[in-house]
Amino acid sequence: MRRLLFVALAALIVLPLLALADNDTPKEPANLNEAAAAKHVESAKASRGKAASSKPVAAITPEQEAAAVALVQKHHSDLFELLIYLKEGLPQEYERAIRDLSRASDRLAQFEKRDPQRYRLELRLWQAESRRQLLTARLQMGYDESLLKELRETLKEEQELGLAVLRHERERLAGRMAKIDEQITNQEDAAEASVERKFATLTKAAKNSQRNVSKNRKPATSKKPKDPA
């Protein structure tokens, strides 16, 4: 059963089922068995292989792998076993998952540096999105009322967090706009004085420069005509 779940989860990583997140209720599932889930994986791998055949993908780096594993272990431990399964059984999908998780880790790190509040919202949103994917994979193996309830709650949380991110960004931009409006007002009030001050500074510098040139200029000496031989 655990292996079957891992294969279904791997299929979700390969085929993002975002359309399911847009529905109020999941569609009637076709009970996926291991062969069907694996077929999803192989089909997606073949499609991506055709698209990427002319564009070789660089191997993942140890830094990418470390960042991805650290993110999962710290903030979504349920995904850790899936990563282990992918690494052992589906190495190409493991590398793709590591790249995605590494990008998510980098993005979150940037928010953590410059906007801690946005970081906390984005982290919770990422956790909700990941949890939604796990629940969707489990539902493909068979309906369960508790899973349906948890999925609906997760979708609501995801929606609320998305709105919270937008509200936070609006507040941040509003604060920035208020500062810019204040700067505009200050510059408008002091516009004439500012022009006169700069004009005085520039003309004074020009006068000083001219004075120095005149002071350092050597007086012209008259040349005596040579006596004719």
Protein backbone atom coordinates (compact mmCIF):
# COMPACT_ATOMS: atom_id res chain seq x y z
CA MET A 1 0.00 0.00 0.00
CA ARG A 2 2.79 2.43 0.86
CA ARG A 3 4.55 1.72 -2.44
CA LEU A 4 1.27 2.26 -4.28
CA LEU A 5 0.84 5.61 -2.54
CA PHE A 6 4.38 6.63 -3.46
CA VAL A 7 3.77 5.77 -7.12
CA ALA A 8 0.57 7.82 -7.09
CA LEU A 9 2.39 10.71 -5.47
CA ALA A 10 5.15 10.43 -8.05
CA ALA A 11 2.48 10.66 -10.74
CA LEU A 12 1.30 13.88 -9.14
CA ILE A 13 4.78 15.35 -9.18
CA VAL A 14 5.07 14.49 -12.86
CA LEU A 15 1.56 15.61 -13.77
CA PRO A 16 0.46 18.65 -11.75
CA LEU A 17 -3.29 18.13 -11.25
CA LEU A 18 -4.06 21.80 -10.73
CA ALA A 19 -7.48 21.40 -12.33
CA LEU A 20 -8.62 19.36 -9.33
CA ALA A 21 -7.91 22.31 -7.07
CA ASP A 22 -10.34 24.47 -9.06
CA ASN A 23 -13.30 22.11 -8.54
CA ASP A 24 -15.59 22.36 -5.53
CA THR A 25 -15.59 18.58 -5.20
CA PRO A 26 -13.31 15.95 -6.73
CA LYS A 27 -14.56 13.98 -9.70
CA GLU A 28 -15.47 10.32 -9.32
CA PRO A 29 -12.07 8.63 -9.19
CA ALA A 30 -10.97 5.69 -11.22
CA ASN A 31 -9.32 3.45 -8.63
CA LEU A 32 -5.68 3.75 -9.56
CA ASN A 33 -3.54 0.71 -9.15
CA GLU A 34 0.22 0.70 -9.20
CA ALA A 35 0.43 -0.06 -12.91
CA ALA A 36 -1.92 2.80 -13.80
CA ALA A 37 -0.05 5.27 -11.63
CA ALA A 38 3.25 4.14 -13.08
CA LYS A 39 1.78 4.57 -16.56
CA HIS A 40 1.06 8.21 -15.72
CA VAL A 41 4.68 8.64 -14.72
CA GLU A 42 6.07 7.00 -17.85
CA SER A 43 3.69 8.94 -20.12
CA ALA A 44 4.72 12.26 -18.59
CA LYS A 45 8.39 11.32 -18.74
CA ALA A 46 8.05 10.48 -22.45
CA SER A 47 6.28 13.79 -23.18
CA ARG A 48 8.87 15.79 -21.34
CA GLY A 49 11.65 13.81 -22.96
CA LYS A 50 10.48 14.85 -26.43
CA ALA A 51 10.23 18.50 -25.42
CA ALA A 52 13.62 18.53 -23.70
CA SER A 53 15.53 16.35 -26.15
CA SER A 54 17.15 19.37 -27.79
CA LYS A 55 17.82 21.13 -24.48
CA PRO A 56 19.95 19.01 -22.10
CA VAL A 57 19.26 19.61 -18.42
CA ALA A 58 22.18 20.11 -16.09
CA ALA A 59 22.53 17.67 -13.23
CA ILE A 60 21.36 18.81 -9.83
CA THR A 61 24.05 20.20 -7.56
CA PRO A 62 24.75 19.13 -3.97
CA GLU A 63 23.65 22.61 -2.88
CA GLN A 64 20.28 22.22 -4.62
CA GLU A 65 19.76 18.80 -3.05
CA ALA A 66 20.71 20.03 0.42
CA ALA A 67 18.36 23.01 0.19
CA ALA A 68 15.47 20.85 -1.04
CA VAL A 69 15.92 18.17 1.62
CA ALA A 70 16.27 20.77 4.37
CA LEU A 71 13.04 22.47 3.26
CA VAL A 72 11.12 19.20 3.26
CA GLN A 73 12.52 17.92 6.54
CA LYS A 74 11.83 21.19 8.35
CA HIS A 75 8.49 22.22 6.89
CA HIS A 76 6.83 19.17 5.30
CA SER A 77 8.19 15.88 6.61
CA ASP A 78 5.50 13.85 4.81
CA LEU A 79 7.31 14.54 1.55
CA PHE A 80 10.62 13.18 2.79
CA GLU A 81 9.70 9.51 2.31
CA LEU A 82 8.46 10.35 -1.18
CA LEU A 83 11.81 11.91 -2.04
CA ILE A 84 13.59 8.77 -0.83
CA TYR A 85 11.33 6.61 -3.00
CA LEU A 86 11.90 8.82 -6.04
CA LYS A 87 15.66 8.77 -5.53
CA GLU A 88 15.71 4.98 -5.42
CA GLY A 89 13.08 4.19 -8.03
CA LEU A 90 12.62 7.21 -10.31
CA PRO A 91 15.91 9.16 -10.39
CA GLN A 92 14.82 11.53 -13.17
CA GLU A 93 11.68 12.47 -11.26
CA TYR A 94 13.79 12.83 -8.12
CA GLU A 95 16.02 15.36 -9.88
CA ARG A 96 12.99 17.30 -11.14
CA ALA A 97 11.49 17.34 -7.64
CA ILE A 98 14.81 18.53 -6.19
CA ARG A 99 14.95 21.38 -8.72
CA ASP A 100 11.39 22.45 -7.91
CA LEU A 101 11.99 22.26 -4.16
CA SER A 102 15.32 24.06 -4.48
CA ARG A 103 13.63 26.92 -6.36
CA ALA A 104 10.94 27.06 -3.67
CA SER A 105 13.64 27.14 -0.99
CA ASP A 106 15.51 29.98 -2.75
CA ARG A 107 12.31 31.97 -3.20
CA LEU A 108 11.35 31.57 0.46
CA ALA A 109 14.87 32.53 1.54
CA GLN A 110 14.62 35.79 -0.41
CA PHE A 111 11.34 36.66 1.32
CA GLU A 112 12.82 35.75 4.71
CA LYS A 113 15.63 38.28 4.17
CA ARG A 114 13.60 41.25 2.97
CA ASP A 115 10.05 40.70 4.28
CA PRO A 116 9.63 38.31 7.26
CA GLN A 117 5.84 38.68 7.32
CA ARG A 118 5.56 37.83 3.62
CA TYR A 119 7.92 34.90 4.22
CA ARG A 120 5.64 33.43 6.88
CA LEU A 121 2.62 33.72 4.58
CA GLU A 122 4.46 32.24 1.59
CA LEU A 123 5.76 29.33 3.67
CA ARG A 124 2.28 28.49 4.92
CA LEU A 125 0.95 28.78 1.36
CA TRP A 126 3.63 26.38 0.07
CA GLN A 127 2.78 23.92 2.85
CA ALA A 128 -0.92 24.09 1.96
CA GLU A 129 -0.20 23.54 -1.74
CA SER A 130 2.01 20.53 -0.96
CA ARG A 131 -0.59 19.12 1.41
CA ARG A 132 -3.26 19.51 -1.27
CA GLN A 133 -1.14 17.49 -3.70
CA LEU A 134 -0.65 14.70 -1.18
CA LEU A 135 -4.35 14.55 -0.38
CA THR A 136 -5.27 14.51 -4.07
CA ALA A 137 -2.93 11.58 -4.64
CA ARG A 138 -4.46 9.64 -1.76
CA LEU A 139 -7.96 10.34 -3.05
CA GLN A 140 -7.03 8.81 -6.40
CA MET A 141 -6.57 5.53 -4.59
CA GLY A 142 -10.10 5.61 -3.22
CA TYR A 143 -12.59 7.96 -1.60
CA ASP A 144 -12.42 8.58 2.11
CA GLU A 145 -14.67 11.03 3.94
CA SER A 146 -11.91 12.22 6.25
CA LEU A 147 -9.64 12.88 3.24
CA LEU A 148 -12.41 14.78 1.48
CA LYS A 149 -12.96 16.93 4.54
CA GLU A 150 -9.23 17.59 4.91
CA LEU A 151 -8.90 18.42 1.23
CA ARG A 152 -11.72 20.97 1.39
CA GLU A 153 -10.20 22.57 4.49
CA THR A 154 -6.79 22.68 2.78
CA LEU A 155 -8.27 24.33 -0.31
CA LYS A 156 -9.94 26.95 1.88
CA GLU A 157 -6.65 27.56 3.70
CA GLU A 158 -4.81 27.84 0.39
CA GLN A 159 -7.37 30.38 -0.86
CA GLU A 160 -7.22 32.43 2.34
CA LEU A 161 -3.42 32.47 2.33
CA GLY A 162 -3.35 33.58 -1.30
CA LEU A 163 -5.61 36.49 -0.38
CA ALA A 164 -3.48 37.26 2.67
CA VAL A 165 -0.40 37.51 0.45
CA LEU A 166 -2.20 39.96 -1.85
CA ARG A 167 -3.43 42.05 1.09
CA HIS A 168 0.05 42.17 2.56
CA GLU A 169 1.50 43.26 -0.76
CA ARG A 170 -1.18 45.95 -1.08
CA GLU A 171 -0.29 47.29 2.37
CA ARG A 172 3.40 47.26 1.54
CA LEU A 173 2.84 49.15 -1.70
CA ALA A 174 0.46 51.58 0.01
CA GLY A 175 3.17 52.37 2.55
CA ARG A 176 5.70 52.85 -0.23
CA MET A 177 3.30 55.13 -2.12
CA ALA A 178 2.72 57.20 1.02
CA LYS A 179 6.47 57.76 1.37
CA ILE A 180 6.75 58.74 -2.29
CA ASP A 181 3.83 61.17 -1.93
CA GLU A 182 5.58 62.73 1.07
CA GLN A 183 8.80 63.11 -0.92
CA ILE A 184 6.89 64.73 -3.79
CA THR A 185 5.21 67.21 -1.43
CA ASN A 186 8.52 68.10 0.22
CA GLN A 187 10.22 68.64 -3.14
CA GLU A 188 7.33 70.75 -4.44
CA ASP A 189 7.42 72.97 -1.35
CA ALA A 190 11.18 73.46 -1.56
CA ALA A 191 11.48 73.50 -5.36
CA GLU A 192 12.43 77.19 -5.80
CA ALA A 193 14.83 77.22 -2.86
CA SER A 194 16.44 74.05 -4.11
CA VAL A 195 17.01 75.50 -7.58
CA GLU A 196 18.53 78.71 -6.15
CA ARG A 197 20.79 76.75 -3.80
CA LYS A 198 22.10 74.52 -6.60
CA PHE A 199 22.49 77.51 -8.91
CA ALA A 200 24.55 79.37 -6.29
CA THR A 201 26.74 76.31 -5.68
CA LEU A 202 27.44 75.73 -9.37
CA THR A 203 28.13 79.38 -10.23
CA LYS A 204 30.39 79.77 -7.21
CA ALA A 205 32.38 76.74 -8.30
CA ALA A 206 32.64 78.15 -11.81
CA LYS A 207 33.84 81.55 -10.51
CA ASN A 208 36.45 79.93 -8.28
CA SER A 209 37.70 77.85 -11.16
CA GLN A 210 37.98 80.92 -13.39
CA ARG A 211 39.81 82.84 -10.66
CA ASN A 212 42.33 80.03 -10.25
CA VAL A 213 42.94 79.91 -13.98
CA SER A 214 43.59 83.66 -14.09
CA LYS A 215 45.92 83.51 -11.08
CA ASN A 216 48.03 80.72 -12.53
CA ARG A 217 48.27 82.22 -15.98
CA LYS A 218 51.84 83.52 -16.70
CA PRO A 219 52.18 87.01 -18.13
CA ALA A 220 53.18 87.15 -21.78
CA THR A 221 56.83 88.12 -22.42
CA SER A 222 57.79 90.22 -25.42
CA LYS A 223 60.50 88.81 -27.63
CA LYS A 224 63.31 91.13 -28.73
CA PRO A 225 64.01 91.07 -32.45
CA LYS A 226 67.28 89.41 -33.36
CA ASP A 227 70.07 91.66 -34.57
CA PRO A 228 70.80 91.14 -38.24
CA ALA A 229 74.09 89.41 -38.76
